PDB file of N, CA and C in Angstrom:
ATOM      1  N   MET A   1     -10.957  -1.403 -57.526  1.00  0.00           N
ATOM      2  CA  MET A   1     -11.827  -0.927 -58.580  1.00  0.00           C
ATOM      3  C   MET A   1     -10.998  -0.027 -59.497  1.00  0.00           C
ATOM      4  N   GLN A   2     -11.265  -0.126 -60.751  1.00  0.00           N
ATOM      5  CA  GLN A   2     -10.578   0.708 -61.725  1.00  0.00           C
ATOM      6  C   GLN A   2     -11.579   1.675 -62.340  1.00  0.00           C
ATOM      7  N   VAL A   3     -11.172   2.957 -62.435  1.00  0.00           N
ATOM      8  CA  VAL A   3     -12.018   3.996 -62.990  1.00  0.00           C
ATOM      9  C   VAL A   3     -11.224   4.722 -64.068  1.00  0.00           C
ATOM     10  N   THR A   4     -11.893   5.055 -65.159  1.00  0.00           N
ATOM     11  CA  THR A   4     -11.242   5.766 -66.262  1.00  0.00           C
ATOM     12  C   THR A   4     -11.883   7.141 -66.413  1.00  0.00           C
ATOM     13  N   PHE A   5     -11.038   8.160 -66.578  1.00  0.00           N
ATOM     14  CA  PHE A   5     -11.500   9.534 -66.740  1.00  0.00           C
ATOM     15  C   PHE A   5     -10.935  10.121 -68.023  1.00  0.00           C
ATOM     16  N   ASP A   6     -11.694  11.003 -68.641  1.00  0.00           N
ATOM     17  CA  ASP A   6     -11.187  11.845 -69.720  1.00  0.00           C
ATOM     18  C   ASP A   6     -10.945  13.216 -69.106  1.00  0.00           C
ATOM     19  N   LEU A   7      -9.683  13.610 -69.047  1.00  0.00           N
ATOM     20  CA  LEU A   7      -9.323  14.865 -68.392  1.00  0.00           C
ATOM     21  C   LEU A   7      -8.518  15.745 -69.339  1.00  0.00           C
ATOM     22  N   PRO A   8      -8.597  17.057 -69.154  1.00  0.00           N
ATOM     23  CA  PRO A   8      -7.758  17.959 -69.954  1.00  0.00           C
ATOM     24  C   PRO A   8      -6.270  17.688 -69.688  1.00  0.00           C
ATOM     25  N   ASP A   9      -5.450  17.951 -70.658  1.00  0.00           N
ATOM     26  CA  ASP A   9      -4.015  17.678 -70.554  1.00  0.00           C
ATOM     27  C   ASP A   9      -3.366  18.376 -69.358  1.00  0.00           C
ATOM     28  N   GLU A  10      -3.782  19.619 -69.095  1.00  0.00           N
ATOM     29  CA  GLU A  10      -3.159  20.344 -67.972  1.00  0.00           C
ATOM     30  C   GLU A  10      -3.497  19.696 -66.629  1.00  0.00           C
ATOM     31  N   VAL A  11      -4.680  19.114 -66.508  1.00  0.00           N
ATOM     32  CA  VAL A  11      -5.050  18.415 -65.270  1.00  0.00           C
ATOM     33  C   VAL A  11      -4.236  17.130 -65.156  1.00  0.00           C
ATOM     34  N   VAL A  12      -4.089  16.420 -66.247  1.00  0.00           N
ATOM     35  CA  VAL A  12      -3.291  15.185 -66.254  1.00  0.00           C
ATOM     36  C   VAL A  12      -1.853  15.490 -65.837  1.00  0.00           C
ATOM     37  N   ALA A  13      -1.296  16.574 -66.345  1.00  0.00           N
ATOM     38  CA  ALA A  13       0.076  16.954 -65.988  1.00  0.00           C
ATOM     39  C   ALA A  13       0.189  17.205 -64.486  1.00  0.00           C
ATOM     40  N   GLN A  14      -0.797  17.862 -63.907  1.00  0.00           N
ATOM     41  CA  GLN A  14      -0.776  18.105 -62.458  1.00  0.00           C
ATOM     42  C   GLN A  14      -0.927  16.805 -61.680  1.00  0.00           C
ATOM     43  N   LEU A  15      -1.829  15.951 -62.125  1.00  0.00           N
ATOM     44  CA  LEU A  15      -2.069  14.691 -61.424  1.00  0.00           C
ATOM     45  C   LEU A  15      -0.876  13.741 -61.503  1.00  0.00           C
ATOM     46  N   ASN A  16      -0.118  13.796 -62.592  1.00  0.00           N
ATOM     47  CA  ASN A  16       1.060  12.939 -62.717  1.00  0.00           C
ATOM     48  C   ASN A  16       2.048  13.170 -61.581  1.00  0.00           C
ATOM     49  N   LEU A  17       2.105  14.404 -61.079  1.00  0.00           N
ATOM     50  CA  LEU A  17       3.003  14.720 -59.967  1.00  0.00           C
ATOM     51  C   LEU A  17       2.560  14.055 -58.664  1.00  0.00           C
ATOM     52  N   PHE A  18       1.280  13.710 -58.568  1.00  0.00           N
ATOM     53  CA  PHE A  18       0.715  13.147 -57.340  1.00  0.00           C
ATOM     54  C   PHE A  18       0.092  11.775 -57.577  1.00  0.00           C
ATOM     55  N   GLU A  19       0.630  11.025 -58.524  1.00  0.00           N
ATOM     56  CA  GLU A  19       0.038   9.752 -58.925  1.00  0.00           C
ATOM     57  C   GLU A  19      -0.178   8.805 -57.749  1.00  0.00           C
ATOM     58  N   ASP A  20       0.750   8.787 -56.808  1.00  0.00           N
ATOM     59  CA  ASP A  20       0.629   7.892 -55.662  1.00  0.00           C
ATOM     60  C   ASP A  20      -0.416   8.363 -54.643  1.00  0.00           C
ATOM     61  N   LYS A  21      -0.919   9.576 -54.792  1.00  0.00           N
ATOM     62  CA  LYS A  21      -1.886  10.130 -53.838  1.00  0.00           C
ATOM     63  C   LYS A  21      -3.271  10.346 -54.450  1.00  0.00           C
ATOM     64  N   LEU A  22      -3.526   9.777 -55.614  1.00  0.00           N
ATOM     65  CA  LEU A  22      -4.811   9.991 -56.291  1.00  0.00           C
ATOM     66  C   LEU A  22      -6.018   9.582 -55.442  1.00  0.00           C
ATOM     67  N   PRO A  23      -6.005   8.444 -54.753  1.00  0.00           N
ATOM     68  CA  PRO A  23      -7.173   8.120 -53.912  1.00  0.00           C
ATOM     69  C   PRO A  23      -7.432   9.175 -52.840  1.00  0.00           C
ATOM     70  N   GLN A  24      -6.379   9.666 -52.199  1.00  0.00           N
ATOM     71  CA  GLN A  24      -6.528  10.698 -51.173  1.00  0.00           C
ATOM     72  C   GLN A  24      -7.043  12.001 -51.786  1.00  0.00           C
ATOM     73  N   ILE A  25      -6.540  12.370 -52.952  1.00  0.00           N
ATOM     74  CA  ILE A  25      -6.990  13.588 -53.631  1.00  0.00           C
ATOM     75  C   ILE A  25      -8.476  13.499 -53.954  1.00  0.00           C
ATOM     76  N   LEU A  26      -8.913  12.358 -54.475  1.00  0.00           N
ATOM     77  CA  LEU A  26     -10.330  12.183 -54.792  1.00  0.00           C
ATOM     78  C   LEU A  26     -11.197  12.239 -53.533  1.00  0.00           C
ATOM     79  N   GLU A  27     -10.732  11.591 -52.459  1.00  0.00           N
ATOM     80  CA  GLU A  27     -11.494  11.605 -51.214  1.00  0.00           C
ATOM     81  C   GLU A  27     -11.630  13.028 -50.666  1.00  0.00           C
ATOM     82  N   LEU A  28     -10.524  13.762 -50.635  1.00  0.00           N
ATOM     83  CA  LEU A  28     -10.572  15.142 -50.146  1.00  0.00           C
ATOM     84  C   LEU A  28     -11.440  16.019 -51.044  1.00  0.00           C
ATOM     85  N   GLY A  29     -11.338  15.802 -52.343  1.00  0.00           N
ATOM     86  CA  GLY A  29     -12.168  16.569 -53.275  1.00  0.00           C
ATOM     87  C   GLY A  29     -13.647  16.300 -53.077  1.00  0.00           C
ATOM     88  N   LEU A  30     -13.999  15.055 -52.838  1.00  0.00           N
ATOM     89  CA  LEU A  30     -15.406  14.718 -52.581  1.00  0.00           C
ATOM     90  C   LEU A  30     -15.892  15.344 -51.283  1.00  0.00           C
ATOM     91  N   ARG A  31     -15.051  15.320 -50.254  1.00  0.00           N
ATOM     92  CA  ARG A  31     -15.434  15.967 -48.987  1.00  0.00           C
ATOM     93  C   ARG A  31     -15.686  17.449 -49.189  1.00  0.00           C
ATOM     94  N   GLU A  32     -14.787  18.100 -49.913  1.00  0.00           N
ATOM     95  CA  GLU A  32     -14.927  19.534 -50.176  1.00  0.00           C
ATOM     96  C   GLU A  32     -16.198  19.805 -50.971  1.00  0.00           C
ATOM     97  N   LEU A  33     -16.449  18.999 -51.980  1.00  0.00           N
ATOM     98  CA  LEU A  33     -17.650  19.168 -52.787  1.00  0.00           C
ATOM     99  C   LEU A  33     -18.902  19.003 -51.934  1.00  0.00           C
ATOM    100  N   ASN A  34     -18.924  18.000 -51.078  1.00  0.00           N
ATOM    101  CA  ASN A  34     -20.069  17.789 -50.193  1.00  0.00           C
ATOM    102  C   ASN A  34     -20.245  18.948 -49.216  1.00  0.00           C
ATOM    103  N   ALA A  35     -19.154  19.480 -48.709  1.00  0.00           N
ATOM    104  CA  ALA A  35     -19.249  20.597 -47.770  1.00  0.00           C
ATOM    105  C   ALA A  35     -19.794  21.841 -48.449  1.00  0.00           C
ATOM    106  N   VAL A  36     -19.361  22.085 -49.668  1.00  0.00           N
ATOM    107  CA  VAL A  36     -19.801  23.274 -50.401  1.00  0.00           C
ATOM    108  C   VAL A  36     -21.273  23.186 -50.758  1.00  0.00           C
ATOM    109  N   THR A  37     -21.756  21.974 -51.035  1.00  0.00           N
ATOM    110  CA  THR A  37     -23.128  21.829 -51.498  1.00  0.00           C
ATOM    111  C   THR A  37     -24.132  21.614 -50.372  1.00  0.00           C
ATOM    112  N   GLN A  38     -23.684  21.580 -49.118  1.00  0.00           N
ATOM    113  CA  GLN A  38     -24.634  21.421 -48.025  1.00  0.00           C
ATOM    114  C   GLN A  38     -25.501  22.661 -47.938  1.00  0.00           C
ATOM    115  N   VAL A  39     -26.785  22.456 -47.997  1.00  0.00           N
ATOM    116  CA  VAL A  39     -27.730  23.564 -47.966  1.00  0.00           C
ATOM    117  C   VAL A  39     -27.804  24.121 -46.552  1.00  0.00           C
ATOM    118  N   GLY A  40     -27.793  25.436 -46.437  1.00  0.00           N
ATOM    119  CA  GLY A  40     -28.069  26.074 -45.164  1.00  0.00           C
ATOM    120  C   GLY A  40     -26.900  26.227 -44.232  1.00  0.00           C
ATOM    121  N   PHE A  41     -25.717  25.792 -44.615  1.00  0.00           N
ATOM    122  CA  PHE A  41     -24.610  25.929 -43.679  1.00  0.00           C
ATOM    123  C   PHE A  41     -23.562  26.893 -44.204  1.00  0.00           C
ATOM    124  N   SER A  42     -24.041  27.998 -44.710  1.00  0.00           N
ATOM    125  CA  SER A  42     -23.132  29.006 -45.231  1.00  0.00           C
ATOM    126  C   SER A  42     -22.396  29.712 -44.104  1.00  0.00           C
ATOM    127  N   GLY A  43     -22.920  29.661 -42.902  1.00  0.00           N
ATOM    128  CA  GLY A  43     -22.301  30.340 -41.774  1.00  0.00           C
ATOM    129  C   GLY A  43     -20.882  29.887 -41.511  1.00  0.00           C
ATOM    130  N   LEU A  44     -20.614  28.611 -41.658  1.00  0.00           N
ATOM    131  CA  LEU A  44     -19.280  28.098 -41.414  1.00  0.00           C
ATOM    132  C   LEU A  44     -18.273  28.751 -42.348  1.00  0.00           C
ATOM    133  N   ALA A  45     -18.570  28.773 -43.631  1.00  0.00           N
ATOM    134  CA  ALA A  45     -17.647  29.359 -44.597  1.00  0.00           C
ATOM    135  C   ALA A  45     -17.406  30.832 -44.289  1.00  0.00           C
ATOM    136  N   GLU A  46     -18.470  31.557 -43.962  1.00  0.00           N
ATOM    137  CA  GLU A  46     -18.328  32.985 -43.657  1.00  0.00           C
ATOM    138  C   GLU A  46     -17.375  33.205 -42.488  1.00  0.00           C
ATOM    139  N   VAL A  47     -17.564  32.449 -41.421  1.00  0.00           N
ATOM    140  CA  VAL A  47     -16.746  32.635 -40.221  1.00  0.00           C
ATOM    141  C   VAL A  47     -15.311  32.199 -40.467  1.00  0.00           C
ATOM    142  N   LEU A  48     -15.122  31.065 -41.125  1.00  0.00           N
ATOM    143  CA  LEU A  48     -13.763  30.598 -41.381  1.00  0.00           C
ATOM    144  C   LEU A  48     -13.011  31.543 -42.311  1.00  0.00           C
ATOM    145  N   GLU A  49     -13.693  32.075 -43.314  1.00  0.00           N
ATOM    146  CA  GLU A  49     -13.047  33.057 -44.198  1.00  0.00           C
ATOM    147  C   GLU A  49     -12.670  34.307 -43.412  1.00  0.00           C
ATOM    148  N   PHE A  50     -13.537  34.732 -42.510  1.00  0.00           N
ATOM    149  CA  PHE A  50     -13.237  35.893 -41.669  1.00  0.00           C
ATOM    150  C   PHE A  50     -12.006  35.620 -40.810  1.00  0.00           C
ATOM    151  N   LEU A  51     -11.977  34.471 -40.131  1.00  0.00           N
ATOM    152  CA  LEU A  51     -10.846  34.143 -39.266  1.00  0.00           C
ATOM    153  C   LEU A  51      -9.567  33.936 -40.066  1.00  0.00           C
ATOM    154  N   ALA A  52      -9.681  33.406 -41.275  1.00  0.00           N
ATOM    155  CA  ALA A  52      -8.508  33.201 -42.126  1.00  0.00           C
ATOM    156  C   ALA A  52      -7.895  34.519 -42.588  1.00  0.00           C
ATOM    157  N   SER A  53      -8.672  35.587 -42.535  1.00  0.00           N
ATOM    158  CA  SER A  53      -8.141  36.898 -42.927  1.00  0.00           C
ATOM    159  C   SER A  53      -7.252  37.503 -41.840  1.00  0.00           C
ATOM    160  N   LEU A  54      -7.076  36.778 -40.734  1.00  0.00           N
ATOM    161  CA  LEU A  54      -6.266  37.223 -39.595  1.00  0.00           C
ATOM    162  C   LEU A  54      -6.714  38.596 -39.091  1.00  0.00           C
ATOM    163  N   PRO A  55      -7.964  38.681 -38.652  1.00  0.00           N
ATOM    164  CA  PRO A  55      -8.491  39.968 -38.187  1.00  0.00           C
ATOM    165  C   PRO A  55      -7.843  40.392 -36.873  1.00  0.00           C
ATOM    166  N   THR A  56      -8.018  41.649 -36.545  1.00  0.00           N
ATOM    167  CA  THR A  56      -7.510  42.164 -35.275  1.00  0.00           C
ATOM    168  C   THR A  56      -8.317  41.560 -34.131  1.00  0.00           C
ATOM    169  N   PRO A  57      -7.755  41.566 -32.920  1.00  0.00           N
ATOM    170  CA  PRO A  57      -8.532  41.082 -31.770  1.00  0.00           C
ATOM    171  C   PRO A  57      -9.855  41.836 -31.612  1.00  0.00           C
ATOM    172  N   GLU A  58      -9.847  43.125 -31.879  1.00  0.00           N
ATOM    173  CA  GLU A  58     -11.080  43.910 -31.768  1.00  0.00           C
ATOM    174  C   GLU A  58     -12.140  43.428 -32.756  1.00  0.00           C
ATOM    175  N   ALA A  59     -11.705  43.102 -33.972  1.00  0.00           N
ATOM    176  CA  ALA A  59     -12.644  42.619 -34.983  1.00  0.00           C
ATOM    177  C   ALA A  59     -13.204  41.257 -34.597  1.00  0.00           C
ATOM    178  N   ILE A  60     -12.374  40.409 -34.013  1.00  0.00           N
ATOM    179  CA  ILE A  60     -12.853  39.095 -33.564  1.00  0.00           C
ATOM    180  C   ILE A  60     -13.887  39.258 -32.458  1.00  0.00           C
ATOM    181  N   ILE A  61     -13.607  40.123 -31.516  1.00  0.00           N
ATOM    182  CA  ILE A  61     -14.542  40.348 -30.406  1.00  0.00           C
ATOM    183  C   ILE A  61     -15.865  40.907 -30.919  1.00  0.00           C
ATOM    184  N   ALA A  62     -15.808  41.729 -31.957  1.00  0.00           N
ATOM    185  CA  ALA A  62     -17.020  42.336 -32.510  1.00  0.00           C
ATOM    186  C   ALA A  62     -17.794  41.387 -33.440  1.00  0.00           C
ATOM    187  N   LEU A  63     -17.243  40.219 -33.729  1.00  0.00           N
ATOM    188  CA  LEU A  63     -17.883  39.279 -34.655  1.00  0.00           C
ATOM    189  C   LEU A  63     -19.259  38.852 -34.148  1.00  0.00           C
ATOM    190  N   ARG A  64     -20.241  38.973 -35.018  1.00  0.00           N
ATOM    191  CA  ARG A  64     -21.615  38.548 -34.728  1.00  0.00           C
ATOM    192  C   ARG A  64     -22.121  37.755 -35.928  1.00  0.00           C
ATOM    193  N   PRO A  65     -23.083  36.861 -35.715  1.00  0.00           N
ATOM    194  CA  PRO A  65     -23.618  36.102 -36.851  1.00  0.00           C
ATOM    195  C   PRO A  65     -24.322  37.025 -37.839  1.00  0.00           C
ATOM    196  N   SER A  66     -24.237  36.651 -39.112  1.00  0.00           N
ATOM    197  CA  SER A  66     -24.968  37.412 -40.127  1.00  0.00           C
ATOM    198  C   SER A  66     -26.462  37.235 -39.870  1.00  0.00           C
ATOM    199  N   GLU A  67     -27.258  38.097 -40.462  1.00  0.00           N
ATOM    200  CA  GLU A  67     -28.708  38.009 -40.295  1.00  0.00           C
ATOM    201  C   GLU A  67     -29.232  36.670 -40.808  1.00  0.00           C
ATOM    202  N   THR A  68     -28.675  36.207 -41.920  1.00  0.00           N
ATOM    203  CA  THR A  68     -29.086  34.926 -42.489  1.00  0.00           C
ATOM    204  C   THR A  68     -28.764  33.778 -41.542  1.00  0.00           C
ATOM    205  N   LEU A  69     -27.557  33.771 -41.012  1.00  0.00           N
ATOM    206  CA  LEU A  69     -27.149  32.722 -40.087  1.00  0.00           C
ATOM    207  C   LEU A  69     -28.002  32.758 -38.823  1.00  0.00           C
ATOM    208  N   GLN A  70     -28.235  33.947 -38.292  1.00  0.00           N
ATOM    209  CA  GLN A  70     -29.042  34.065 -37.080  1.00  0.00           C
ATOM    210  C   GLN A  70     -30.464  33.561 -37.320  1.00  0.00           C
ATOM    211  N   THR A  71     -31.016  33.843 -38.486  1.00  0.00           N
ATOM    212  CA  THR A  71     -32.361  33.358 -38.829  1.00  0.00           C
ATOM    213  C   THR A  71     -32.383  31.836 -38.892  1.00  0.00           C
ATOM    214  N   GLN A  72     -31.359  31.243 -39.503  1.00  0.00           N
ATOM    215  CA  GLN A  72     -31.287  29.781 -39.581  1.00  0.00           C
ATOM    216  C   GLN A  72     -31.225  29.159 -38.189  1.00  0.00           C
ATOM    217  N   ILE A  73     -30.425  29.741 -37.309  1.00  0.00           N
ATOM    218  CA  ILE A  73     -30.287  29.227 -35.942  1.00  0.00           C
ATOM    219  C   ILE A  73     -31.608  29.366 -35.196  1.00  0.00           C
ATOM    220  N   THR A  74     -32.232  30.523 -35.310  1.00  0.00           N
ATOM    221  CA  THR A  74     -33.517  30.762 -34.643  1.00  0.00           C
ATOM    222  C   THR A  74     -34.580  29.782 -35.131  1.00  0.00           C
ATOM    223  N   ASP A  75     -34.618  29.540 -36.433  1.00  0.00           N
ATOM    224  CA  ASP A  75     -35.587  28.594 -37.002  1.00  0.00           C
ATOM    225  C   ASP A  75     -35.368  27.183 -36.466  1.00  0.00           C
ATOM    226  N   LEU A  76     -34.099  26.767 -36.385  1.00  0.00           N
ATOM    227  CA  LEU A  76     -33.809  25.431 -35.855  1.00  0.00           C
ATOM    228  C   LEU A  76     -34.195  25.318 -34.381  1.00  0.00           C
ATOM    229  N   LEU A  77     -33.904  26.349 -33.611  1.00  0.00           N
ATOM    230  CA  LEU A  77     -34.278  26.339 -32.188  1.00  0.00           C
ATOM    231  C   LEU A  77     -35.785  26.222 -32.020  1.00  0.00           C
ATOM    232  N   GLU A  78     -36.525  26.987 -32.804  1.00  0.00           N
ATOM    233  CA  GLU A  78     -37.984  26.952 -32.718  1.00  0.00           C
ATOM    234  C   GLU A  78     -38.522  25.586 -33.135  1.00  0.00           C
ATOM    235  N   LYS A  79     -37.994  25.053 -34.203  1.00  0.00           N
ATOM    236  CA  LYS A  79     -38.459  23.750 -34.669  1.00  0.00           C
ATOM    237  C   LYS A  79     -38.130  22.666 -33.636  1.00  0.00           C
ATOM    238  N   ASN A  80     -36.977  22.770 -33.007  1.00  0.00           N
ATOM    239  CA  ASN A  80     -36.588  21.802 -31.982  1.00  0.00           C
ATOM    240  C   ASN A  80     -37.544  21.865 -30.790  1.00  0.00           C
ATOM    241  N   ARG A  81     -37.993  23.059 -30.438  1.00  0.00           N
ATOM    242  CA  ARG A  81     -38.933  23.227 -29.307  1.00  0.00           C
ATOM    243  C   ARG A  81     -40.330  22.714 -29.650  1.00  0.00           C
ATOM    244  N   THR A  82     -40.717  22.802 -30.897  1.00  0.00           N
ATOM    245  CA  THR A  82     -42.094  22.476 -31.259  1.00  0.00           C
ATOM    246  C   THR A  82     -42.248  21.042 -31.767  1.00  0.00           C
ATOM    247  N   VAL A  83     -41.652  20.727 -32.900  1.00  0.00           N
ATOM    248  CA  VAL A  83     -41.882  19.410 -33.505  1.00  0.00           C
ATOM    249  C   VAL A  83     -40.651  18.516 -33.518  1.00  0.00           C
ATOM    250  N   GLY A  84     -39.500  19.051 -33.187  1.00  0.00           N
ATOM    251  CA  GLY A  84     -38.273  18.268 -33.219  1.00  0.00           C
ATOM    252  C   GLY A  84     -37.554  18.401 -34.554  1.00  0.00           C
ATOM    253  N   LEU A  85     -36.298  18.010 -34.538  1.00  0.00           N
ATOM    254  CA  LEU A  85     -35.454  18.145 -35.730  1.00  0.00           C
ATOM    255  C   LEU A  85     -35.335  16.812 -36.463  1.00  0.00           C
ATOM    256  N   THR A  86     -35.237  16.893 -37.770  1.00  0.00           N
ATOM    257  CA  THR A  86     -34.956  15.705 -38.575  1.00  0.00           C
ATOM    258  C   THR A  86     -33.478  15.354 -38.361  1.00  0.00           C
ATOM    259  N   PRO A  87     -33.048  14.170 -38.754  1.00  0.00           N
ATOM    260  CA  PRO A  87     -31.621  13.839 -38.627  1.00  0.00           C
ATOM    261  C   PRO A  87     -30.712  14.838 -39.359  1.00  0.00           C
ATOM    262  N   ALA A  88     -31.123  15.296 -40.523  1.00  0.00           N
ATOM    263  CA  ALA A  88     -30.314  16.277 -41.270  1.00  0.00           C
ATOM    264  C   ALA A  88     -30.251  17.605 -40.514  1.00  0.00           C
ATOM    265  N   GLU A  89     -31.375  18.013 -39.938  1.00  0.00           N
ATOM    266  CA  GLU A  89     -31.392  19.264 -39.172  1.00  0.00           C
ATOM    267  C   GLU A  89     -30.577  19.134 -37.889  1.00  0.00           C
ATOM    268  N   GLU A  90     -30.605  17.963 -37.289  1.00  0.00           N
ATOM    269  CA  GLU A  90     -29.800  17.716 -36.086  1.00  0.00           C
ATOM    270  C   GLU A  90     -28.318  17.822 -36.415  1.00  0.00           C
ATOM    271  N   GLN A  91     -27.937  17.288 -37.561  1.00  0.00           N
ATOM    272  CA  GLN A  91     -26.542  17.388 -38.000  1.00  0.00           C
ATOM    273  C   GLN A  91     -26.168  18.851 -38.246  1.00  0.00           C
ATOM    274  N   LEU A  92     -27.066  19.589 -38.854  1.00  0.00           N
ATOM    275  CA  LEU A  92     -26.848  21.013 -39.083  1.00  0.00           C
ATOM    276  C   LEU A  92     -26.691  21.746 -37.761  1.00  0.00           C
ATOM    277  N   TRP A  93     -27.545  21.426 -36.787  1.00  0.00           N
ATOM    278  CA  TRP A  93     -27.483  22.056 -35.468  1.00  0.00           C
ATOM    279  C   TRP A  93     -26.137  21.769 -34.805  1.00  0.00           C
ATOM    280  N   GLN A  94     -25.677  20.534 -34.905  1.00  0.00           N
ATOM    281  CA  GLN A  94     -24.380  20.184 -34.323  1.00  0.00           C
ATOM    282  C   GLN A  94     -23.257  20.977 -34.993  1.00  0.00           C
ATOM    283  N   GLY A  95     -23.383  21.201 -36.290  1.00  0.00           N
ATOM    284  CA  GLY A  95     -22.404  22.029 -36.990  1.00  0.00           C
ATOM    285  C   GLY A  95     -22.395  23.458 -36.469  1.00  0.00           C
ATOM    286  N   TYR A  96     -23.586  23.998 -36.208  1.00  0.00           N
ATOM    287  CA  TYR A  96     -23.665  25.352 -35.654  1.00  0.00           C
ATOM    288  C   TYR A  96     -23.076  25.407 -34.250  1.00  0.00           C
ATOM    289  N   GLN A  97     -23.288  24.361 -33.465  1.00  0.00           N
ATOM    290  CA  GLN A  97     -22.706  24.328 -32.124  1.00  0.00           C
ATOM    291  C   GLN A  97     -21.178  24.311 -32.202  1.00  0.00           C
ATOM    292  N   TYR A  98     -20.640  23.561 -33.146  1.00  0.00           N
ATOM    293  CA  TYR A  98     -19.191  23.522 -33.327  1.00  0.00           C
ATOM    294  C   TYR A  98     -18.669  24.884 -33.774  1.00  0.00           C
ATOM    295  N   LEU A  99     -19.394  25.525 -34.678  1.00  0.00           N
ATOM    296  CA  LEU A  99     -19.023  26.864 -35.135  1.00  0.00           C
ATOM    297  C   LEU A  99     -19.003  27.838 -33.959  1.00  0.00           C
ATOM    298  N   GLU A 100     -20.009  27.758 -33.105  1.00  0.00           N
ATOM    299  CA  GLU A 100     -20.046  28.633 -31.929  1.00  0.00           C
ATOM    300  C   GLU A 100     -18.840  28.379 -31.034  1.00  0.00           C
ATOM    301  N   HIS A 101     -18.465  27.125 -30.877  1.00  0.00           N
ATOM    302  CA  HIS A 101     -17.294  26.777 -30.066  1.00  0.00           C
ATOM    303  C   HIS A 101     -16.025  27.421 -30.636  1.00  0.00           C
ATOM    304  N   ILE A 102     -15.856  27.337 -31.945  1.00  0.00           N
ATOM    305  CA  ILE A 102     -14.690  27.945 -32.593  1.00  0.00           C
ATOM    306  C   ILE A 102     -14.659  29.451 -32.349  1.00  0.00           C
ATOM    307  N   VAL A 103     -15.809  30.093 -32.506  1.00  0.00           N
ATOM    308  CA  VAL A 103     -15.880  31.543 -32.324  1.00  0.00           C
ATOM    309  C   VAL A 103     -15.593  31.912 -30.863  1.00  0.00           C
ATOM    310  N   ARG A 104     -16.115  31.140 -29.923  1.00  0.00           N
ATOM    311  CA  ARG A 104     -15.841  31.425 -28.500  1.00  0.00           C
ATOM    312  C   ARG A 104     -14.353  31.307 -28.195  1.00  0.00           C
ATOM    313  N   MET A 105     -13.706  30.290 -28.757  1.00  0.00           N
ATOM    314  CA  MET A 105     -12.260  30.140 -28.545  1.00  0.00           C
ATOM    315  C   MET A 105     -11.507  31.326 -29.137  1.00  0.00           C
ATOM    316  N   ALA A 106     -11.876  31.742 -30.327  1.00  0.00           N
ATOM    317  CA  ALA A 106     -11.209  32.876 -30.971  1.00  0.00           C
ATOM    318  C   ALA A 106     -11.406  34.149 -30.152  1.00  0.00           C
ATOM    319  N   LYS A 107     -12.623  34.354 -29.642  1.00  0.00           N
ATOM    320  CA  LYS A 107     -12.893  35.556 -28.845  1.00  0.00           C
ATOM    321  C   LYS A 107     -12.128  35.521 -27.528  1.00  0.00           C
ATOM    322  N   ALA A 108     -12.031  34.354 -26.896  1.00  0.00           N
ATOM    323  CA  ALA A 108     -11.274  34.247 -25.647  1.00  0.00           C
ATOM    324  C   ALA A 108      -9.807  34.588 -25.880  1.00  0.00           C
ATOM    325  N   ARG A 109      -9.261  34.086 -26.962  1.00  0.00           N
ATOM    326  CA  ARG A 109      -7.856  34.393 -27.275  1.00  0.00           C
ATOM    327  C   ARG A 109      -7.674  35.864 -27.628  1.00  0.00           C
ATOM    328  N   ALA A 110      -8.659  36.436 -28.293  1.00  0.00           N
ATOM    329  CA  ALA A 110      -8.584  37.861 -28.641  1.00  0.00           C
ATOM    330  C   ALA A 110      -8.607  38.712 -27.374  1.00  0.00           C
ATOM    331  N   PHE A 111      -9.463  38.353 -26.417  1.00  0.00           N
ATOM    332  CA  PHE A 111      -9.505  39.087 -25.143  1.00  0.00           C
ATOM    333  C   PHE A 111      -8.160  38.994 -24.425  1.00  0.00           C
ATOM    334  N   LEU A 112      -7.562  37.799 -24.395  1.00  0.00           N
ATOM    335  CA  LEU A 112      -6.253  37.628 -23.757  1.00  0.00           C
ATOM    336  C   LEU A 112      -5.184  38.467 -24.442  1.00  0.00           C
ATOM    337  N   LYS A 113      -5.219  38.480 -25.764  1.00  0.00           N
ATOM    338  CA  LYS A 113      -4.232  39.256 -26.517  1.00  0.00           C
ATOM    339  C   LYS A 113      -4.374  40.745 -26.214  1.00  0.00           C
ATOM    340  N   LEU A 114      -5.618  41.227 -26.154  1.00  0.00           N
ATOM    341  CA  LEU A 114      -5.840  42.634 -25.826  1.00  0.00           C
ATOM    342  C   LEU A 114      -5.366  42.949 -24.401  1.00  0.00           C
ATOM    343  N   LYS A 115      -5.630  42.034 -23.497  1.00  0.00           N
ATOM    344  CA  LYS A 115      -5.238  42.235 -22.096  1.00  0.00           C
ATOM    345  C   LYS A 115      -3.704  42.306 -21.976  1.00  0.00           C
ATOM    346  N   GLU A 116      -3.007  41.478 -22.758  1.00  0.00           N
ATOM    347  CA  GLU A 116      -1.541  41.483 -22.730  1.00  0.00           C
ATOM    348  C   GLU A 116      -0.958  42.782 -23.261  1.00  0.00           C
ATOM    349  N   THR A 117      -1.646  43.410 -24.199  1.00  0.00           N
ATOM    350  CA  THR A 117      -1.104  44.623 -24.825  1.00  0.00           C
ATOM    351  C   THR A 117      -1.505  45.906 -24.088  1.00  0.00           C
ATOM    352  N   GLN A 118      -2.427  45.784 -23.148  1.00  0.00           N
ATOM    353  CA  GLN A 118      -2.859  46.985 -22.408  1.00  0.00           C
ATOM    354  C   GLN A 118      -1.862  47.294 -21.292  1.00  0.00           C
ATOM    355  N   PRO A 119      -1.517  48.580 -21.144  1.00  0.00           N
ATOM    356  CA  PRO A 119      -0.603  48.963 -20.054  1.00  0.00           C
ATOM    357  C   PRO A 119      -1.306  48.816 -18.699  1.00  0.00           C
ATOM    358  N   GLU A 120      -0.513  48.452 -17.720  1.00  0.00           N
ATOM    359  CA  GLU A 120      -1.094  48.256 -16.378  1.00  0.00           C
ATOM    360  C   GLU A 120      -1.056  49.501 -15.558  1.00  0.00           C
TER     361      GLU A 120
END
């Protein structure tokens, strides 16, 4: 398939450097756009931005969900107990479970790091 775009000159100059990777760039850009526009899953971005800041082990151990994230999780749990989740909500729930897994791994490593630095 052939697609034509009208792009600013500075974007064209950047894309010329990656001409052989344009399909991959578009695919990654679409994934990023879809991730950013997913309603209700702001928790992932918050946690990943926090972890990307390379916090101290103490800060990782102290990490707790924001009030907004906790409310979203509580609402999904309640809905699952009462009427069940829609496919979109089930996907959201799976995302939260994955986020929890990431946080548990980070906290486990933070505990190990603290244990290594403590005098015996």
